[in-house]
Amino acid sequence: MRTQVHRALIGLIVLGTSLALAAPTSAAVGQEGLVPVPNGRYGALWAAQGPCLFNRDGELVVGNTSLLCYGAEKLIMFTVRNRRIVNPRVMLTVTCRYTDGTTSDVTFGPTSNNPDRTAPIPRSGNGNVSWVEEFDSSLIRDATVTVSYTFRRGRSGLASVDVRSSDSESTCEGFQNFRLGDFSGIPSSIFDTAR
């Protein structure tokens, strides 16, 4: 009996020591789990031949019409400041289905400039920001826009944009994946000249 009690006490002491040592280890793992997201402007675009906005190398040009130029067709841009997404803006193609049975593809956006639109970036680097865009140039009203993003350690970030709107006359939906790049050299006015 005394031996069994002795073994049980030793077992409890070993278990308690293991638990005491596990706390700092898990805290260290948690710190390592923080995905770094440097401050800066991030974005991506798909371009189609059209108005002079980019040359064939993707460099921003200013009205030089002698170049083969491309206009932004689908794009996303936002700023990261102190682990917060700030002022996400998007433009993409959505498909609208009307109550009379017809459909059409519409360019949604560019969405409004709103520096107050922010969302924190979680420790994992994965998150989303969502808002209702009351008006845009496509005349789609009250569209719910969701930007989901993934920042990865040592690799480029990813983002997807989902747009949905429904009223008594139509239902509009659009979705696009993007690979994020450094947009610090591209002015935010790109949204004003994208069309």
C-alpha atoms as a PDB file:
ATOM      1  CA  MET A   1       0.000   0.000   0.000  1.00  0.00           C
ATOM      2  CA  ARG A   2       2.784   2.379   0.973  1.00  0.00           C
ATOM      3  CA  THR A   3       4.567   1.636  -2.334  1.00  0.00           C
ATOM      4  CA  GLN A   4       1.426   2.403  -4.340  1.00  0.00           C
ATOM      5  CA  VAL A   5       0.956   5.735  -2.560  1.00  0.00           C
ATOM      6  CA  HIS A   6       4.629   6.519  -3.114  1.00  0.00           C
ATOM      7  CA  ARG A   7       4.331   5.763  -6.868  1.00  0.00           C
ATOM      8  CA  ALA A   8       1.156   7.834  -7.122  1.00  0.00           C
ATOM      9  CA  LEU A   9       2.880  10.813  -5.471  1.00  0.00           C
ATOM     10  CA  ILE A  10       5.874  10.496  -7.792  1.00  0.00           C
ATOM     11  CA  GLY A  11       3.473  10.345 -10.748  1.00  0.00           C
ATOM     12  CA  LEU A  12       1.739  13.542  -9.610  1.00  0.00           C
ATOM     13  CA  ILE A  13       5.078  15.303  -9.120  1.00  0.00           C
ATOM     14  CA  VAL A  14       6.208  14.290 -12.630  1.00  0.00           C
ATOM     15  CA  LEU A  15       2.870  15.388 -14.112  1.00  0.00           C
ATOM     16  CA  GLY A  16       3.034  18.744 -12.288  1.00  0.00           C
ATOM     17  CA  THR A  17       6.608  19.317 -13.466  1.00  0.00           C
ATOM     18  CA  SER A  18       5.599  18.513 -17.055  1.00  0.00           C
ATOM     19  CA  LEU A  19       2.695  20.951 -16.924  1.00  0.00           C
ATOM     20  CA  ALA A  20       4.871  23.657 -15.380  1.00  0.00           C
ATOM     21  CA  LEU A  21       7.414  23.246 -18.162  1.00  0.00           C
ATOM     22  CA  ALA A  22       4.744  23.084 -20.882  1.00  0.00           C
ATOM     23  CA  ALA A  23       3.454  26.620 -20.247  1.00  0.00           C
ATOM     24  CA  PRO A  24       6.629  28.476 -21.335  1.00  0.00           C
ATOM     25  CA  THR A  25       7.056  26.120 -24.296  1.00  0.00           C
ATOM     26  CA  SER A  26       3.526  26.785 -25.604  1.00  0.00           C
ATOM     27  CA  ALA A  27       3.996  30.537 -25.051  1.00  0.00           C
ATOM     28  CA  ALA A  28       7.178  30.428 -27.147  1.00  0.00           C
ATOM     29  CA  VAL A  29       5.357  28.545 -29.893  1.00  0.00           C
ATOM     30  CA  GLY A  30       2.589  31.176 -29.797  1.00  0.00           C
ATOM     31  CA  GLN A  31       5.150  33.959 -30.309  1.00  0.00           C
ATOM     32  CA  GLU A  32       6.635  32.077 -33.261  1.00  0.00           C
ATOM     33  CA  GLY A  33       3.101  31.766 -34.696  1.00  0.00           C
ATOM     34  CA  LEU A  34       2.919  35.533 -35.331  1.00  0.00           C
ATOM     35  CA  VAL A  35       3.104  35.988 -39.091  1.00  0.00           C
ATOM     36  CA  PRO A  36       5.007  39.225 -39.838  1.00  0.00           C
ATOM     37  CA  VAL A  37       3.101  41.729 -41.979  1.00  0.00           C
ATOM     38  CA  PRO A  38       5.236  44.806 -42.750  1.00  0.00           C
ATOM     39  CA  ASN A  39       3.632  48.219 -43.189  1.00  0.00           C
ATOM     40  CA  GLY A  40       3.136  49.242 -46.818  1.00  0.00           C
ATOM     41  CA  ARG A  41       0.721  49.263 -49.734  1.00  0.00           C
ATOM     42  CA  TYR A  42      -0.297  45.880 -51.144  1.00  0.00           C
ATOM     43  CA  GLY A  43      -2.233  45.063 -54.258  1.00  0.00           C
ATOM     44  CA  ALA A  44      -2.653  43.172 -57.501  1.00  0.00           C
ATOM     45  CA  LEU A  45      -4.216  43.787 -60.871  1.00  0.00           C
ATOM     46  CA  TRP A  46      -5.292  42.098 -64.058  1.00  0.00           C
ATOM     47  CA  ALA A  47      -5.000  44.337 -67.097  1.00  0.00           C
ATOM     48  CA  ALA A  48      -6.503  44.245 -70.576  1.00  0.00           C
ATOM     49  CA  GLN A  49      -5.346  46.138 -73.655  1.00  0.00           C
ATOM     50  CA  GLY A  50      -7.119  49.447 -73.698  1.00  0.00           C
ATOM     51  CA  PRO A  51      -6.675  52.966 -72.332  1.00  0.00           C
ATOM     52  CA  CYS A  52      -3.078  53.911 -71.634  1.00  0.00           C
ATOM     53  CA  LEU A  53      -2.427  53.064 -68.019  1.00  0.00           C
ATOM     54  CA  PHE A  54       0.352  50.417 -68.011  1.00  0.00           C
ATOM     55  CA  ASN A  55       2.922  49.420 -70.600  1.00  0.00           C
ATOM     56  CA  ARG A  56       3.416  45.771 -71.578  1.00  0.00           C
ATOM     57  CA  ASP A  57       5.899  45.321 -68.667  1.00  0.00           C
ATOM     58  CA  GLY A  58       3.246  46.401 -66.179  1.00  0.00           C
ATOM     59  CA  GLU A  59       4.900  49.743 -65.464  1.00  0.00           C
ATOM     60  CA  LEU A  60       2.649  52.696 -64.791  1.00  0.00           C
ATOM     61  CA  VAL A  61       2.802  55.215 -67.656  1.00  0.00           C
ATOM     62  CA  VAL A  62       1.384  58.704 -67.877  1.00  0.00           C
ATOM     63  CA  GLY A  63      -0.591  59.235 -71.058  1.00  0.00           C
ATOM     64  CA  ASN A  64       2.090  58.170 -73.570  1.00  0.00           C
ATOM     65  CA  THR A  65      -0.254  56.848 -76.264  1.00  0.00           C
ATOM     66  CA  SER A  66       2.583  55.680 -78.562  1.00  0.00           C
ATOM     67  CA  LEU A  67       3.102  52.687 -76.233  1.00  0.00           C
ATOM     68  CA  LEU A  68       1.080  49.491 -76.270  1.00  0.00           C
ATOM     69  CA  CYS A  69      -0.935  50.116 -73.137  1.00  0.00           C
ATOM     70  CA  TYR A  70      -3.223  48.231 -70.821  1.00  0.00           C
ATOM     71  CA  GLY A  71      -6.020  49.370 -68.580  1.00  0.00           C
ATOM     72  CA  ALA A  72      -6.815  47.842 -65.205  1.00  0.00           C
ATOM     73  CA  GLU A  73      -9.658  45.358 -65.498  1.00  0.00           C
ATOM     74  CA  LYS A  74      -9.621  43.752 -62.054  1.00  0.00           C
ATOM     75  CA  LEU A  75      -7.688  45.139 -59.150  1.00  0.00           C
ATOM     76  CA  ILE A  76      -7.287  45.260 -55.394  1.00  0.00           C
ATOM     77  CA  MET A  77      -5.244  47.632 -53.256  1.00  0.00           C
ATOM     78  CA  PHE A  78      -4.998  48.365 -49.527  1.00  0.00           C
ATOM     79  CA  THR A  79      -2.549  49.751 -46.989  1.00  0.00           C
ATOM     80  CA  VAL A  80      -1.187  47.868 -43.985  1.00  0.00           C
ATOM     81  CA  ARG A  81      -0.477  50.093 -41.003  1.00  0.00           C
ATOM     82  CA  ASN A  82       0.380  48.646 -37.566  1.00  0.00           C
ATOM     83  CA  ARG A  83      -1.102  45.223 -38.422  1.00  0.00           C
ATOM     84  CA  ARG A  84      -4.333  46.738 -39.725  1.00  0.00           C
ATOM     85  CA  ILE A  85      -5.813  46.625 -43.222  1.00  0.00           C
ATOM     86  CA  VAL A  86      -6.643  50.234 -44.133  1.00  0.00           C
ATOM     87  CA  ASN A  87      -8.860  51.481 -46.987  1.00  0.00           C
ATOM     88  CA  PRO A  88      -9.279  48.331 -49.104  1.00  0.00           C
ATOM     89  CA  ARG A  89     -10.452  49.177 -52.630  1.00  0.00           C
ATOM     90  CA  VAL A  90     -11.439  46.777 -55.384  1.00  0.00           C
ATOM     91  CA  MET A  91     -12.623  46.577 -58.952  1.00  0.00           C
ATOM     92  CA  LEU A  92     -13.761  43.365 -60.676  1.00  0.00           C
ATOM     93  CA  THR A  93     -16.264  41.833 -63.071  1.00  0.00           C
ATOM     94  CA  VAL A  94     -19.578  40.655 -61.634  1.00  0.00           C
ATOM     95  CA  THR A  95     -22.389  38.782 -63.354  1.00  0.00           C
ATOM     96  CA  CYS A  96     -25.879  40.185 -62.895  1.00  0.00           C
ATOM     97  CA  ARG A  97     -28.984  38.058 -63.429  1.00  0.00           C
ATOM     98  CA  TYR A  98     -32.197  39.984 -64.001  1.00  0.00           C
ATOM     99  CA  THR A  99     -35.782  39.006 -63.242  1.00  0.00           C
ATOM    100  CA  ASP A 100     -36.590  38.940 -66.990  1.00  0.00           C
ATOM    101  CA  GLY A 101     -34.099  36.053 -67.423  1.00  0.00           C
ATOM    102  CA  THR A 102     -31.242  38.031 -69.003  1.00  0.00           C
ATOM    103  CA  THR A 103     -27.681  38.270 -67.672  1.00  0.00           C
ATOM    104  CA  SER A 104     -24.830  40.708 -68.154  1.00  0.00           C
ATOM    105  CA  ASP A 105     -21.233  41.081 -67.012  1.00  0.00           C
ATOM    106  CA  VAL A 106     -20.638  44.414 -65.299  1.00  0.00           C
ATOM    107  CA  THR A 107     -17.451  46.034 -63.991  1.00  0.00           C
ATOM    108  CA  PHE A 108     -18.055  46.645 -60.301  1.00  0.00           C
ATOM    109  CA  GLY A 109     -16.031  49.461 -58.774  1.00  0.00           C
ATOM    110  CA  PRO A 110     -13.721  51.027 -58.242  1.00  0.00           C
ATOM    111  CA  THR A 111     -15.074  51.088 -54.718  1.00  0.00           C
ATOM    112  CA  SER A 112     -15.088  54.288 -52.718  1.00  0.00           C
ATOM    113  CA  ASN A 113     -12.057  55.779 -50.999  1.00  0.00           C
ATOM    114  CA  ASN A 114     -12.615  55.349 -47.240  1.00  0.00           C
ATOM    115  CA  PRO A 115      -9.544  55.636 -44.959  1.00  0.00           C
ATOM    116  CA  ASP A 116     -11.808  54.898 -41.958  1.00  0.00           C
ATOM    117  CA  ARG A 117     -12.475  51.372 -43.296  1.00  0.00           C
ATOM    118  CA  THR A 118     -10.005  49.261 -41.283  1.00  0.00           C
ATOM    119  CA  ALA A 119      -9.671  45.746 -39.863  1.00  0.00           C
ATOM    120  CA  PRO A 120      -7.027  44.133 -37.633  1.00  0.00           C
ATOM    121  CA  ILE A 121      -4.775  41.421 -39.059  1.00  0.00           C
ATOM    122  CA  PRO A 122      -4.865  38.313 -36.821  1.00  0.00           C
ATOM    123  CA  ARG A 123      -1.673  36.659 -35.560  1.00  0.00           C
ATOM    124  CA  SER A 124      -2.065  33.896 -38.162  1.00  0.00           C
ATOM    125  CA  GLY A 125      -2.044  36.431 -41.019  1.00  0.00           C
ATOM    126  CA  ASN A 126      -5.436  35.133 -42.219  1.00  0.00           C
ATOM    127  CA  GLY A 127      -8.532  37.293 -42.032  1.00  0.00           C
ATOM    128  CA  ASN A 128     -11.128  39.291 -43.885  1.00  0.00           C
ATOM    129  CA  VAL A 129     -12.727  42.681 -44.031  1.00  0.00           C
ATOM    130  CA  SER A 130     -16.278  43.221 -45.217  1.00  0.00           C
ATOM    131  CA  TRP A 131     -18.407  46.266 -45.911  1.00  0.00           C
ATOM    132  CA  VAL A 132     -21.478  47.421 -47.841  1.00  0.00           C
ATOM    133  CA  GLU A 133     -20.702  49.596 -50.851  1.00  0.00           C
ATOM    134  CA  GLU A 134     -23.755  51.820 -51.221  1.00  0.00           C
ATOM    135  CA  PHE A 135     -22.931  53.114 -54.706  1.00  0.00           C
ATOM    136  CA  ASP A 136     -20.312  52.508 -57.360  1.00  0.00           C
ATOM    137  CA  SER A 137     -19.897  53.468 -61.001  1.00  0.00           C
ATOM    138  CA  SER A 138     -21.642  50.291 -62.195  1.00  0.00           C
ATOM    139  CA  LEU A 139     -24.855  51.483 -60.466  1.00  0.00           C
ATOM    140  CA  ILE A 140     -25.015  48.318 -58.364  1.00  0.00           C
ATOM    141  CA  ARG A 141     -26.435  49.406 -55.014  1.00  0.00           C
ATOM    142  CA  ASP A 142     -25.711  48.084 -51.532  1.00  0.00           C
ATOM    143  CA  ALA A 143     -23.240  45.409 -52.592  1.00  0.00           C
ATOM    144  CA  THR A 144     -21.609  43.412 -49.817  1.00  0.00           C
ATOM    145  CA  VAL A 145     -17.875  43.318 -50.502  1.00  0.00           C
ATOM    146  CA  THR A 146     -15.674  40.816 -48.651  1.00  0.00           C
ATOM    147  CA  VAL A 147     -11.896  40.828 -48.987  1.00  0.00           C
ATOM    148  CA  SER A 148     -10.265  37.692 -47.545  1.00  0.00           C
ATOM    149  CA  TYR A 149      -6.481  37.682 -47.211  1.00  0.00           C
ATOM    150  CA  THR A 150      -3.623  35.395 -46.242  1.00  0.00           C
ATOM    151  CA  PHE A 151      -0.158  36.681 -45.409  1.00  0.00           C
ATOM    152  CA  ARG A 152       2.440  33.915 -45.423  1.00  0.00           C
ATOM    153  CA  ARG A 153       5.862  33.812 -43.814  1.00  0.00           C
ATOM    154  CA  GLY A 154       8.515  34.359 -46.512  1.00  0.00           C
ATOM    155  CA  ARG A 155       6.044  34.138 -49.419  1.00  0.00           C
ATOM    156  CA  SER A 156       3.742  36.544 -51.223  1.00  0.00           C
ATOM    157  CA  GLY A 157       0.318  37.167 -49.758  1.00  0.00           C
ATOM    158  CA  LEU A 158      -2.968  36.082 -51.304  1.00  0.00           C
ATOM    159  CA  ALA A 159      -6.352  37.778 -51.395  1.00  0.00           C
ATOM    160  CA  SER A 160      -9.786  37.060 -52.759  1.00  0.00           C
ATOM    161  CA  VAL A 161     -12.669  39.427 -53.358  1.00  0.00           C
ATOM    162  CA  ASP A 162     -16.322  38.404 -53.191  1.00  0.00           C
ATOM    163  CA  VAL A 163     -19.086  40.822 -54.238  1.00  0.00           C
ATOM    164  CA  ARG A 164     -22.809  40.111 -53.814  1.00  0.00           C
ATOM    165  CA  SER A 165     -25.854  42.298 -54.327  1.00  0.00           C
ATOM    166  CA  SER A 166     -29.543  41.547 -54.642  1.00  0.00           C
ATOM    167  CA  ASP A 167     -32.624  43.697 -55.109  1.00  0.00           C
ATOM    168  CA  SER A 168     -36.084  43.302 -56.611  1.00  0.00           C
ATOM    169  CA  GLU A 169     -34.745  43.473 -60.198  1.00  0.00           C
ATOM    170  CA  SER A 170     -31.394  41.664 -60.149  1.00  0.00           C
ATOM    171  CA  THR A 171     -28.873  39.498 -58.331  1.00  0.00           C
ATOM    172  CA  CYS A 172     -25.198  40.262 -58.932  1.00  0.00           C
ATOM    173  CA  GLU A 173     -22.217  38.145 -57.898  1.00  0.00           C
ATOM    174  CA  GLY A 174     -18.497  38.259 -58.563  1.00  0.00           C
ATOM    175  CA  PHE A 175     -15.404  36.538 -57.198  1.00  0.00           C
ATOM    176  CA  GLN A 176     -11.691  36.938 -57.945  1.00  0.00           C
ATOM    177  CA  ASN A 177      -8.421  35.571 -56.516  1.00  0.00           C
ATOM    178  CA  PHE A 178      -5.285  37.730 -56.428  1.00  0.00           C
ATOM    179  CA  ARG A 179      -1.607  37.218 -55.551  1.00  0.00           C
ATOM    180  CA  LEU A 180      -0.552  40.305 -53.600  1.00  0.00           C
ATOM    181  CA  GLY A 181       2.516  42.320 -54.485  1.00  0.00           C
ATOM    182  CA  ASP A 182       4.208  45.496 -53.293  1.00  0.00           C
ATOM    183  CA  PHE A 183       2.128  48.437 -54.527  1.00  0.00           C
ATOM    184  CA  SER A 184       4.073  51.137 -52.661  1.00  0.00           C
ATOM    185  CA  GLY A 185       5.200  52.691 -55.966  1.00  0.00           C
ATOM    186  CA  ILE A 186       1.710  52.795 -57.460  1.00  0.00           C
ATOM    187  CA  PRO A 187      -0.435  55.789 -56.499  1.00  0.00           C
ATOM    188  CA  SER A 188      -3.888  55.181 -55.050  1.00  0.00           C
ATOM    189  CA  SER A 189      -5.221  57.440 -57.832  1.00  0.00           C
ATOM    190  CA  ILE A 190      -4.978  54.342 -60.028  1.00  0.00           C
ATOM    191  CA  PHE A 191      -8.603  53.777 -59.086  1.00  0.00           C
ATOM    192  CA  ASP A 192      -9.573  57.137 -60.512  1.00  0.00           C
ATOM    193  CA  THR A 193      -7.865  56.452 -63.872  1.00  0.00           C
ATOM    194  CA  ALA A 194      -8.657  52.735 -64.117  1.00  0.00           C
ATOM    195  CA  ARG A 195     -11.594  53.192 -66.467  1.00  0.00           C
END
